[in-house]
PDB file of N, CA and C in Angstrom:
ATOM      1  N   MET A   1      82.763  -7.719  46.991  1.00  0.00           N
ATOM      2  CA  MET A   1      83.037  -6.771  45.916  1.00  0.00           C
ATOM      3  C   MET A   1      84.513  -6.527  45.722  1.00  0.00           C
ATOM      4  N   ARG A   2      85.278  -6.566  46.801  1.00  0.00           N
ATOM      5  CA  ARG A   2      86.727  -6.302  46.721  1.00  0.00           C
ATOM      6  C   ARG A   2      87.409  -7.350  45.828  1.00  0.00           C
ATOM      7  N   LEU A   3      87.002  -8.591  45.925  1.00  0.00           N
ATOM      8  CA  LEU A   3      87.528  -9.659  45.081  1.00  0.00           C
ATOM      9  C   LEU A   3      87.307  -9.335  43.595  1.00  0.00           C
ATOM     10  N   TYR A   4      86.100  -8.895  43.263  1.00  0.00           N
ATOM     11  CA  TYR A   4      85.806  -8.570  41.883  1.00  0.00           C
ATOM     12  C   TYR A   4      86.638  -7.394  41.415  1.00  0.00           C
ATOM     13  N   ALA A   5      86.926  -6.447  42.299  1.00  0.00           N
ATOM     14  CA  ALA A   5      87.716  -5.261  41.914  1.00  0.00           C
ATOM     15  C   ALA A   5      89.091  -5.675  41.457  1.00  0.00           C
ATOM     16  N   HIS A   6      89.704  -6.631  42.134  1.00  0.00           N
ATOM     17  CA  HIS A   6      91.031  -7.110  41.736  1.00  0.00           C
ATOM     18  C   HIS A   6      90.977  -7.752  40.345  1.00  0.00           C
ATOM     19  N   TYR A   7      89.985  -8.592  40.096  1.00  0.00           N
ATOM     20  CA  TYR A   7      89.858  -9.258  38.770  1.00  0.00           C
ATOM     21  C   TYR A   7      89.550  -8.209  37.703  1.00  0.00           C
ATOM     22  N   ARG A   8      88.696  -7.276  38.050  1.00  0.00           N
ATOM     23  CA  ARG A   8      88.300  -6.236  37.105  1.00  0.00           C
ATOM     24  C   ARG A   8      89.528  -5.438  36.662  1.00  0.00           C
ATOM     25  N   GLU A   9      90.382  -5.065  37.634  1.00  0.00           N
ATOM     26  CA  GLU A   9      91.629  -4.333  37.301  1.00  0.00           C
ATOM     27  C   GLU A   9      92.523  -5.134  36.370  1.00  0.00           C
ATOM     28  N   THR A  10      92.619  -6.426  36.614  1.00  0.00           N
ATOM     29  CA  THR A  10      93.443  -7.306  35.787  1.00  0.00           C
ATOM     30  C   THR A  10      92.858  -7.378  34.360  1.00  0.00           C
ATOM     31  N   LEU A  11      91.569  -7.477  34.264  1.00  0.00           N
ATOM     32  CA  LEU A  11      90.932  -7.542  32.945  1.00  0.00           C
ATOM     33  C   LEU A  11      91.115  -6.241  32.176  1.00  0.00           C
ATOM     34  N   ILE A  12      91.019  -5.103  32.858  1.00  0.00           N
ATOM     35  CA  ILE A  12      91.223  -3.821  32.201  1.00  0.00           C
ATOM     36  C   ILE A  12      92.692  -3.701  31.766  1.00  0.00           C
ATOM     37  N   ARG A  13      93.615  -4.182  32.548  1.00  0.00           N
ATOM     38  CA  ARG A  13      95.056  -4.167  32.154  1.00  0.00           C
ATOM     39  C   ARG A  13      95.245  -4.996  30.909  1.00  0.00           C
ATOM     40  N   ILE A  14      94.622  -6.166  30.822  1.00  0.00           N
ATOM     41  CA  ILE A  14      94.694  -7.013  29.636  1.00  0.00           C
ATOM     42  C   ILE A  14      94.150  -6.278  28.424  1.00  0.00           C
ATOM     43  N   ALA A  15      93.019  -5.583  28.604  1.00  0.00           N
ATOM     44  CA  ALA A  15      92.415  -4.815  27.519  1.00  0.00           C
ATOM     45  C   ALA A  15      93.377  -3.729  27.001  1.00  0.00           C
ATOM     46  N   LYS A  16      93.960  -2.988  27.938  1.00  0.00           N
ATOM     47  CA  LYS A  16      94.900  -1.942  27.545  1.00  0.00           C
ATOM     48  C   LYS A  16      96.138  -2.508  26.841  1.00  0.00           C
ATOM     49  N   GLU A  17      96.669  -3.605  27.333  1.00  0.00           N
ATOM     50  CA  GLU A  17      97.831  -4.212  26.709  1.00  0.00           C
ATOM     51  C   GLU A  17      97.468  -4.733  25.305  1.00  0.00           C
ATOM     52  N   THR A  18      96.288  -5.305  25.195  1.00  0.00           N
ATOM     53  CA  THR A  18      95.831  -5.776  23.864  1.00  0.00           C
ATOM     54  C   THR A  18      95.749  -4.622  22.866  1.00  0.00           C
ATOM     55  N   ALA A  19      95.182  -3.510  23.301  1.00  0.00           N
ATOM     56  CA  ALA A  19      95.045  -2.331  22.391  1.00  0.00           C
ATOM     57  C   ALA A  19      96.431  -1.783  22.050  1.00  0.00           C
ATOM     58  N   GLN A  20      97.321  -1.689  23.022  1.00  0.00           N
ATOM     59  CA  GLN A  20      98.643  -1.144  22.760  1.00  0.00           C
ATOM     60  C   GLN A  20      99.413  -2.049  21.806  1.00  0.00           C
ATOM     61  N   LYS A  21      99.366  -3.344  21.999  1.00  0.00           N
ATOM     62  CA  LYS A  21     100.071  -4.279  21.091  1.00  0.00           C
ATOM     63  C   LYS A  21      99.491  -4.183  19.688  1.00  0.00           C
ATOM     64  N   ARG A  22      98.233  -4.115  19.572  1.00  0.00           N
ATOM     65  CA  ARG A  22      97.608  -4.044  18.246  1.00  0.00           C
ATOM     66  C   ARG A  22      97.979  -2.703  17.579  1.00  0.00           C
ATOM     67  N   ALA A  23      98.019  -1.609  18.355  1.00  0.00           N
ATOM     68  CA  ALA A  23      98.407  -0.321  17.804  1.00  0.00           C
ATOM     69  C   ALA A  23      99.792  -0.309  17.242  1.00  0.00           C
ATOM     70  N   LEU A  24     100.685  -1.039  17.881  1.00  0.00           N
ATOM     71  CA  LEU A  24     102.087  -1.118  17.395  1.00  0.00           C
ATOM     72  C   LEU A  24     102.186  -1.788  16.009  1.00  0.00           C
ATOM     73  N   SER A  25     101.314  -2.774  15.781  1.00  0.00           N
ATOM     74  CA  SER A  25     101.388  -3.480  14.475  1.00  0.00           C
ATOM     75  C   SER A  25     100.365  -2.957  13.469  1.00  0.00           C
ATOM     76  N   ASP A  26      99.484  -2.077  13.873  1.00  0.00           N
ATOM     77  CA  ASP A  26      98.432  -1.547  12.989  1.00  0.00           C
ATOM     78  C   ASP A  26      98.372  -0.057  13.057  1.00  0.00           C
ATOM     79  N   PRO A  27      99.034   0.683  12.165  1.00  0.00           N
ATOM     80  CA  PRO A  27      99.039   2.144  12.234  1.00  0.00           C
ATOM     81  C   PRO A  27      97.657   2.782  11.973  1.00  0.00           C
ATOM     82  N   GLY A  28      96.738   2.003  11.416  1.00  0.00           N
ATOM     83  CA  GLY A  28      95.380   2.519  11.193  1.00  0.00           C
ATOM     84  C   GLY A  28      94.501   2.539  12.438  1.00  0.00           C
ATOM     85  N   LEU A  29      94.943   1.872  13.486  1.00  0.00           N
ATOM     86  CA  LEU A  29      94.142   1.847  14.742  1.00  0.00           C
ATOM     87  C   LEU A  29      94.345   3.150  15.483  1.00  0.00           C
ATOM     88  N   VAL A  30      93.279   3.951  15.611  1.00  0.00           N
ATOM     89  CA  VAL A  30      93.426   5.250  16.217  1.00  0.00           C
ATOM     90  C   VAL A  30      92.823   5.359  17.626  1.00  0.00           C
ATOM     91  N   ALA A  31      91.950   4.445  17.973  1.00  0.00           N
ATOM     92  CA  ALA A  31      91.337   4.517  19.303  1.00  0.00           C
ATOM     93  C   ALA A  31      90.801   3.130  19.667  1.00  0.00           C
ATOM     94  N   ALA A  32      90.645   2.910  20.961  1.00  0.00           N
ATOM     95  CA  ALA A  32      90.051   1.715  21.505  1.00  0.00           C
ATOM     96  C   ALA A  32      89.341   2.036  22.762  1.00  0.00           C
ATOM     97  N   TYR A  33      88.175   1.468  22.962  1.00  0.00           N
ATOM     98  CA  TYR A  33      87.443   1.737  24.206  1.00  0.00           C
ATOM     99  C   TYR A  33      86.703   0.470  24.671  1.00  0.00           C
ATOM    100  N   LEU A  34      86.436   0.433  25.936  1.00  0.00           N
ATOM    101  CA  LEU A  34      85.725  -0.703  26.562  1.00  0.00           C
ATOM    102  C   LEU A  34      84.234  -0.481  26.466  1.00  0.00           C
ATOM    103  N   THR A  35      83.544  -1.600  26.304  1.00  0.00           N
ATOM    104  CA  THR A  35      82.098  -1.591  26.407  1.00  0.00           C
ATOM    105  C   THR A  35      81.690  -2.826  27.255  1.00  0.00           C
ATOM    106  N   GLY A  36      80.448  -3.000  27.473  1.00  0.00           N
ATOM    107  CA  GLY A  36      79.955  -4.226  28.107  1.00  0.00           C
ATOM    108  C   GLY A  36      80.177  -4.295  29.586  1.00  0.00           C
ATOM    109  N   SER A  37      80.244  -5.535  30.076  1.00  0.00           N
ATOM    110  CA  SER A  37      80.196  -5.783  31.529  1.00  0.00           C
ATOM    111  C   SER A  37      81.459  -5.323  32.267  1.00  0.00           C
ATOM    112  N   LEU A  38      82.529  -5.144  31.584  1.00  0.00           N
ATOM    113  CA  LEU A  38      83.737  -4.690  32.264  1.00  0.00           C
ATOM    114  C   LEU A  38      83.629  -3.256  32.744  1.00  0.00           C
ATOM    115  N   ARG A  39      82.631  -2.559  32.282  1.00  0.00           N
ATOM    116  CA  ARG A  39      82.372  -1.180  32.756  1.00  0.00           C
ATOM    117  C   ARG A  39      81.533  -1.160  34.021  1.00  0.00           C
ATOM    118  N   THR A  40      81.141  -2.336  34.513  1.00  0.00           N
ATOM    119  CA  THR A  40      80.367  -2.436  35.738  1.00  0.00           C
ATOM    120  C   THR A  40      81.282  -2.872  36.872  1.00  0.00           C
ATOM    121  N   ASP A  41      80.782  -2.814  38.102  1.00  0.00           N
ATOM    122  CA  ASP A  41      81.601  -3.243  39.233  1.00  0.00           C
ATOM    123  C   ASP A  41      81.861  -4.748  39.238  1.00  0.00           C
ATOM    124  N   ASN A  42      80.941  -5.542  38.760  1.00  0.00           N
ATOM    125  CA  ASN A  42      81.111  -6.981  38.737  1.00  0.00           C
ATOM    126  C   ASN A  42      80.891  -7.465  37.300  1.00  0.00           C
ATOM    127  N   PRO A  43      81.984  -7.697  36.564  1.00  0.00           N
ATOM    128  CA  PRO A  43      81.855  -8.094  35.168  1.00  0.00           C
ATOM    129  C   PRO A  43      81.554  -9.577  34.941  1.00  0.00           C
ATOM    130  N   PHE A  44      81.411 -10.341  36.008  1.00  0.00           N
ATOM    131  CA  PHE A  44      81.231 -11.802  35.881  1.00  0.00           C
ATOM    132  C   PHE A  44      79.773 -12.232  35.823  1.00  0.00           C
ATOM    133  N   LEU A  45      79.511 -13.246  35.061  1.00  0.00           N
ATOM    134  CA  LEU A  45      78.244 -13.964  35.039  1.00  0.00           C
ATOM    135  C   LEU A  45      78.607 -15.363  35.435  1.00  0.00           C
ATOM    136  N   GLY A  46      78.390 -15.704  36.708  1.00  0.00           N
ATOM    137  CA  GLY A  46      78.950 -16.922  37.230  1.00  0.00           C
ATOM    138  C   GLY A  46      80.434 -16.817  37.283  1.00  0.00           C
ATOM    139  N   ASN A  47      81.153 -17.733  36.671  1.00  0.00           N
ATOM    140  CA  ASN A  47      82.598 -17.686  36.649  1.00  0.00           C
ATOM    141  C   ASN A  47      83.135 -17.185  35.314  1.00  0.00           C
ATOM    142  N   ALA A  48      82.279 -16.761  34.423  1.00  0.00           N
ATOM    143  CA  ALA A  48      82.696 -16.372  33.094  1.00  0.00           C
ATOM    144  C   ALA A  48      82.533 -14.850  32.862  1.00  0.00           C
ATOM    145  N   THR A  49      83.354 -14.332  31.979  1.00  0.00           N
ATOM    146  CA  THR A  49      83.255 -12.935  31.537  1.00  0.00           C
ATOM    147  C   THR A  49      83.925 -12.771  30.186  1.00  0.00           C
ATOM    148  N   ASP A  50      83.709 -11.615  29.589  1.00  0.00           N
ATOM    149  CA  ASP A  50      84.478 -11.304  28.399  1.00  0.00           C
ATOM    150  C   ASP A  50      84.968  -9.895  28.521  1.00  0.00           C
ATOM    151  N   ILE A  51      85.932  -9.554  27.700  1.00  0.00           N
ATOM    152  CA  ILE A  51      86.526  -8.241  27.645  1.00  0.00           C
ATOM    153  C   ILE A  51      86.043  -7.663  26.315  1.00  0.00           C
ATOM    154  N   ASP A  52      85.060  -6.778  26.387  1.00  0.00           N
ATOM    155  CA  ASP A  52      84.516  -6.175  25.161  1.00  0.00           C
ATOM    156  C   ASP A  52      85.290  -4.918  24.848  1.00  0.00           C
ATOM    157  N   ILE A  53      85.928  -4.929  23.657  1.00  0.00           N
ATOM    158  CA  ILE A  53      86.712  -3.774  23.201  1.00  0.00           C
ATOM    159  C   ILE A  53      86.226  -3.389  21.837  1.00  0.00           C
ATOM    160  N   VAL A  54      86.144  -2.092  21.580  1.00  0.00           N
ATOM    161  CA  VAL A  54      85.878  -1.589  20.231  1.00  0.00           C
ATOM    162  C   VAL A  54      87.140  -0.899  19.740  1.00  0.00           C
ATOM    163  N   PHE A  55      87.658  -1.359  18.592  1.00  0.00           N
ATOM    164  CA  PHE A  55      88.793  -0.745  17.953  1.00  0.00           C
ATOM    165  C   PHE A  55      88.270   0.198  16.880  1.00  0.00           C
ATOM    166  N   VAL A  56      88.771   1.435  16.841  1.00  0.00           N
ATOM    167  CA  VAL A  56      88.349   2.387  15.834  1.00  0.00           C
ATOM    168  C   VAL A  56      89.534   2.596  14.887  1.00  0.00           C
ATOM    169  N   HIS A  57      89.265   2.421  13.602  1.00  0.00           N
ATOM    170  CA  HIS A  57      90.300   2.539  12.553  1.00  0.00           C
ATOM    171  C   HIS A  57      90.093   3.801  11.717  1.00  0.00           C
ATOM    172  N   ALA A  58      91.204   4.282  11.171  1.00  0.00           N
ATOM    173  CA  ALA A  58      91.147   5.461  10.316  1.00  0.00           C
ATOM    174  C   ALA A  58      90.414   5.136   9.007  1.00  0.00           C
ATOM    175  N   GLY A  59      90.536   3.909   8.517  1.00  0.00           N
ATOM    176  CA  GLY A  59      89.868   3.476   7.305  1.00  0.00           C
ATOM    177  C   GLY A  59      88.987   2.283   7.549  1.00  0.00           C
ATOM    178  N   GLN A  60      88.590   1.577   6.510  1.00  0.00           N
ATOM    179  CA  GLN A  60      87.754   0.429   6.694  1.00  0.00           C
ATOM    180  C   GLN A  60      88.584  -0.699   7.314  1.00  0.00           C
ATOM    181  N   PRO A  61      88.141  -1.286   8.370  1.00  0.00           N
ATOM    182  CA  PRO A  61      88.891  -2.413   9.009  1.00  0.00           C
ATOM    183  C   PRO A  61      88.817  -3.671   8.151  1.00  0.00           C
ATOM    184  N   GLU A  62      89.821  -4.534   8.306  1.00  0.00           N
ATOM    185  CA  GLU A  62      89.831  -5.804   7.572  1.00  0.00           C
ATOM    186  C   GLU A  62      88.773  -6.743   8.097  1.00  0.00           C
ATOM    187  N   SER A  63      88.563  -6.797   9.399  1.00  0.00           N
ATOM    188  CA  SER A  63      87.519  -7.668   9.953  1.00  0.00           C
ATOM    189  C   SER A  63      86.670  -6.879  10.892  1.00  0.00           C
ATOM    190  N   ARG A  64      85.443  -7.286  11.117  1.00  0.00           N
ATOM    191  CA  ARG A  64      84.482  -6.551  11.937  1.00  0.00           C
ATOM    192  C   ARG A  64      84.452  -7.056  13.373  1.00  0.00           C
ATOM    193  N   ARG A  65      84.865  -8.348  13.578  1.00  0.00           N
ATOM    194  CA  ARG A  65      84.781  -8.898  14.914  1.00  0.00           C
ATOM    195  C   ARG A  65      85.758 -10.052  15.087  1.00  0.00           C
ATOM    196  N   GLU A  66      86.346 -10.107  16.295  1.00  0.00           N
ATOM    197  CA  GLU A  66      87.238 -11.200  16.636  1.00  0.00           C
ATOM    198  C   GLU A  66      86.854 -11.699  18.041  1.00  0.00           C
ATOM    199  N   ILE A  67      86.852 -12.996  18.211  1.00  0.00           N
ATOM    200  CA  ILE A  67      86.671 -13.602  19.511  1.00  0.00           C
ATOM    201  C   ILE A  67      87.967 -14.346  19.837  1.00  0.00           C
ATOM    202  N   ILE A  68      88.637 -13.979  20.884  1.00  0.00           N
ATOM    203  CA  ILE A  68      89.929 -14.597  21.216  1.00  0.00           C
ATOM    204  C   ILE A  68      89.834 -15.185  22.614  1.00  0.00           C
ATOM    205  N   PRO A  69      89.840 -16.533  22.755  1.00  0.00           N
ATOM    206  CA  PRO A  69      89.791 -17.118  24.078  1.00  0.00           C
ATOM    207  C   PRO A  69      91.097 -16.883  24.838  1.00  0.00           C
ATOM    208  N   LEU A  70      91.003 -16.488  26.067  1.00  0.00           N
ATOM    209  CA  LEU A  70      92.158 -16.333  26.934  1.00  0.00           C
ATOM    210  C   LEU A  70      92.258 -17.501  27.898  1.00  0.00           C
ATOM    211  N   THR A  71      91.104 -17.889  28.411  1.00  0.00           N
ATOM    212  CA  THR A  71      90.945 -19.101  29.285  1.00  0.00           C
ATOM    213  C   THR A  71      89.588 -19.672  28.925  1.00  0.00           C
ATOM    214  N   PRO A  72      89.212 -20.838  29.468  1.00  0.00           N
ATOM    215  CA  PRO A  72      87.876 -21.323  29.182  1.00  0.00           C
ATOM    216  C   PRO A  72      86.770 -20.392  29.684  1.00  0.00           C
ATOM    217  N   GLU A  73      87.083 -19.549  30.668  1.00  0.00           N
ATOM    218  CA  GLU A  73      86.043 -18.662  31.261  1.00  0.00           C
ATOM    219  C   GLU A  73      86.133 -17.217  30.760  1.00  0.00           C
ATOM    220  N   ILE A  74      87.241 -16.831  30.125  1.00  0.00           N
ATOM    221  CA  ILE A  74      87.428 -15.426  29.739  1.00  0.00           C
ATOM    222  C   ILE A  74      87.891 -15.374  28.302  1.00  0.00           C
ATOM    223  N   HIS A  75      87.257 -14.444  27.553  1.00  0.00           N
ATOM    224  CA  HIS A  75      87.722 -14.210  26.194  1.00  0.00           C
ATOM    225  C   HIS A  75      87.635 -12.720  25.829  1.00  0.00           C
ATOM    226  N   LEU A  76      88.441 -12.336  24.830  1.00  0.00           N
ATOM    227  CA  LEU A  76      88.345 -11.022  24.258  1.00  0.00           C
ATOM    228  C   LEU A  76      87.249 -11.025  23.191  1.00  0.00           C
ATOM    229  N   ASP A  77      86.443 -10.044  23.172  1.00  0.00           N
ATOM    230  CA  ASP A  77      85.415  -9.842  22.178  1.00  0.00           C
ATOM    231  C   ASP A  77      85.709  -8.466  21.560  1.00  0.00           C
ATOM    232  N   ILE A  78      86.355  -8.480  20.388  1.00  0.00           N
ATOM    233  CA  ILE A  78      86.806  -7.239  19.752  1.00  0.00           C
ATOM    234  C   ILE A  78      85.931  -6.900  18.556  1.00  0.00           C
ATOM    235  N   ARG A  79      85.279  -5.791  18.617  1.00  0.00           N
ATOM    236  CA  ARG A  79      84.515  -5.278  17.469  1.00  0.00           C
ATOM    237  C   ARG A  79      85.331  -4.137  16.843  1.00  0.00           C
ATOM    238  N   THR A  80      85.253  -4.021  15.538  1.00  0.00           N
ATOM    239  CA  THR A  80      86.039  -3.026  14.836  1.00  0.00           C
ATOM    240  C   THR A  80      85.115  -2.158  14.021  1.00  0.00           C
ATOM    241  N   THR A  81      85.406  -0.865  14.040  1.00  0.00           N
ATOM    242  CA  THR A  81      84.617   0.102  13.237  1.00  0.00           C
ATOM    243  C   THR A  81      85.602   1.097  12.642  1.00  0.00           C
ATOM    244  N   HIS A  82      85.098   1.984  11.823  1.00  0.00           N
ATOM    245  CA  HIS A  82      85.962   3.028  11.249  1.00  0.00           C
ATOM    246  C   HIS A  82      85.547   4.381  11.797  1.00  0.00           C
ATOM    247  N   ALA A  83      86.517   5.281  11.869  1.00  0.00           N
ATOM    248  CA  ALA A  83      86.241   6.624  12.366  1.00  0.00           C
ATOM    249  C   ALA A  83      85.508   7.426  11.336  1.00  0.00           C
ATOM    250  N   VAL A  84      84.484   8.117  11.768  1.00  0.00           N
ATOM    251  CA  VAL A  84      83.719   8.992  10.877  1.00  0.00           C
ATOM    252  C   VAL A  84      84.080  10.459  11.048  1.00  0.00           C
ATOM    253  N   ILE A  85      84.970  10.714  12.046  1.00  0.00           N
ATOM    254  CA  ILE A  85      85.457  12.073  12.249  1.00  0.00           C
ATOM    255  C   ILE A  85      86.974  11.949  12.450  1.00  0.00           C
ATOM    256  N   THR A  86      87.636  13.050  12.330  1.00  0.00           N
ATOM    257  CA  THR A  86      89.096  13.067  12.600  1.00  0.00           C
ATOM    258  C   THR A  86      89.304  13.001  14.093  1.00  0.00           C
ATOM    259  N   ILE A  87      90.063  12.051  14.542  1.00  0.00           N
ATOM    260  CA  ILE A  87      90.294  11.896  15.941  1.00  0.00           C
ATOM    261  C   ILE A  87      91.650  12.495  16.326  1.00  0.00           C
ATOM    262  N   ASN A  88      91.644  13.271  17.375  1.00  0.00           N
ATOM    263  CA  ASN A  88      92.918  13.731  17.960  1.00  0.00           C
ATOM    264  C   ASN A  88      92.744  13.690  19.456  1.00  0.00           C
ATOM    265  N   ARG A  89      93.857  13.852  20.139  1.00  0.00           N
ATOM    266  CA  ARG A  89      93.846  13.666  21.615  1.00  0.00           C
ATOM    267  C   ARG A  89      92.851  14.645  22.269  1.00  0.00           C
ATOM    268  N   LYS A  90      92.628  15.782  21.688  1.00  0.00           N
ATOM    269  CA  LYS A  90      91.734  16.757  22.280  1.00  0.00           C
ATOM    270  C   LYS A  90      90.277  16.343  22.223  1.00  0.00           C
ATOM    271  N   ASN A  91      89.857  15.685  21.100  1.00  0.00           N
ATOM    272  CA  ASN A  91      88.466  15.357  21.015  1.00  0.00           C
ATOM    273  C   ASN A  91      88.122  13.897  21.319  1.00  0.00           C
ATOM    274  N   CYS A  92      89.100  13.067  21.649  1.00  0.00           N
ATOM    275  CA  CYS A  92      88.809  11.679  21.991  1.00  0.00           C
ATOM    276  C   CYS A  92      87.794  11.563  23.126  1.00  0.00           C
ATOM    277  N   ALA A  93      87.956  12.371  24.153  1.00  0.00           N
ATOM    278  CA  ALA A  93      87.077  12.258  25.305  1.00  0.00           C
ATOM    279  C   ALA A  93      85.728  12.924  25.097  1.00  0.00           C
ATOM    280  N   SER A  94      85.566  13.610  23.966  1.00  0.00           N
ATOM    281  CA  SER A  94      84.290  14.327  23.743  1.00  0.00           C
ATOM    282  C   SER A  94      83.433  13.689  22.705  1.00  0.00           C
ATOM    283  N   ILE A  95      83.800  12.493  22.222  1.00  0.00           N
ATOM    284  CA  ILE A  95      82.967  11.812  21.248  1.00  0.00           C
ATOM    285  C   ILE A  95      81.746  11.194  21.939  1.00  0.00           C
ATOM    286  N   PRO A  96      80.551  11.416  21.412  1.00  0.00           N
ATOM    287  CA  PRO A  96      79.352  10.887  22.092  1.00  0.00           C
ATOM    288  C   PRO A  96      79.475   9.364  22.309  1.00  0.00           C
ATOM    289  N   GLY A  97      79.107   8.931  23.505  1.00  0.00           N
ATOM    290  CA  GLY A  97      79.164   7.521  23.855  1.00  0.00           C
ATOM    291  C   GLY A  97      80.513   7.060  24.407  1.00  0.00           C
ATOM    292  N   TRP A  98      81.528   7.907  24.315  1.00  0.00           N
ATOM    293  CA  TRP A  98      82.823   7.551  24.861  1.00  0.00           C
ATOM    294  C   TRP A  98      83.080   8.430  26.079  1.00  0.00           C
ATOM    295  N   ASP A  99      83.773   7.876  27.041  1.00  0.00           N
ATOM    296  CA  ASP A  99      84.176   8.712  28.170  1.00  0.00           C
ATOM    297  C   ASP A  99      85.584   8.310  28.619  1.00  0.00           C
ATOM    298  N   ARG A 100      86.162   9.055  29.499  1.00  0.00           N
ATOM    299  CA  ARG A 100      87.515   8.810  29.950  1.00  0.00           C
ATOM    300  C   ARG A 100      87.689   7.462  30.634  1.00  0.00           C
ATOM    301  N   ASN A 101      86.592   6.966  31.259  1.00  0.00           N
ATOM    302  CA  ASN A 101      86.685   5.652  31.927  1.00  0.00           C
ATOM    303  C   ASN A 101      86.707   4.504  30.968  1.00  0.00           C
ATOM    304  N   SER A 102      86.148   4.644  29.777  1.00  0.00           N
ATOM    305  CA  SER A 102      86.111   3.554  28.845  1.00  0.00           C
ATOM    306  C   SER A 102      87.232   3.616  27.816  1.00  0.00           C
ATOM    307  N   MET A 103      87.870   4.783  27.598  1.00  0.00           N
ATOM    308  CA  MET A 103      88.914   4.927  26.611  1.00  0.00           C
ATOM    309  C   MET A 103      90.190   4.239  27.098  1.00  0.00           C
ATOM    310  N   ILE A 104      90.754   3.358  26.287  1.00  0.00           N
ATOM    311  CA  ILE A 104      91.973   2.679  26.620  1.00  0.00           C
ATOM    312  C   ILE A 104      93.092   2.956  25.636  1.00  0.00           C
ATOM    313  N   LEU A 105      92.792   3.596  24.518  1.00  0.00           N
ATOM    314  CA  LEU A 105      93.828   3.962  23.546  1.00  0.00           C
ATOM    315  C   LEU A 105      93.292   5.126  22.735  1.00  0.00           C
ATOM    316  N   CYS A 106      94.116   6.104  22.470  1.00  0.00           N
ATOM    317  CA  CYS A 106      93.709   7.252  21.617  1.00  0.00           C
ATOM    318  C   CYS A 106      95.002   7.817  21.010  1.00  0.00           C
ATOM    319  N   ARG A 107      95.028   7.839  19.689  1.00  0.00           N
ATOM    320  CA  ARG A 107      96.163   8.524  19.007  1.00  0.00           C
ATOM    321  C   ARG A 107      95.647   9.306  17.818  1.00  0.00           C
ATOM    322  N   SER A 108      96.336  10.337  17.483  1.00  0.00           N
ATOM    323  CA  SER A 108      95.931  11.219  16.412  1.00  0.00           C
ATOM    324  C   SER A 108      95.976  10.532  15.077  1.00  0.00           C
ATOM    325  N   MET A 109      95.043  10.952  14.196  1.00  0.00           N
ATOM    326  CA  MET A 109      95.085  10.436  12.830  1.00  0.00           C
ATOM    327  C   MET A 109      95.075  11.570  11.872  1.00  0.00           C
TER     328      MET A 109
END
C-alpha cells in the first residue's frame, strides 16, 4: 500500500497543477475537483489509471470532456460542467457531493 500512496500523491499533484494552469488561462474556471479512482487508496487497475477531474465554469464550457494521455498507462479525464450557484471560498466545501479531500481548485466568481 505504501508504494501506491507515493504514486497517488504524484497523481494528485499532477491534477492540482493541471487545474492551476488551466485557471491561469481560463478566467471562467471557478472550481475543480477529483472524482473516480484517485479518491481511493489504490487508484490502479493493473498498471493503468486515470486522473478524473471535473472543471466547473461560471458559464457554459466550450467542451464537455477531454482525454489527455500523459503516458501509455496514465491519462487525464477532464469533464466540464457549469456552476448553477454562485461559488465563493466560503461555500466551495459545502456543495453537495464535494468535500475538502476532492477539491483541488476554488476561486470566487
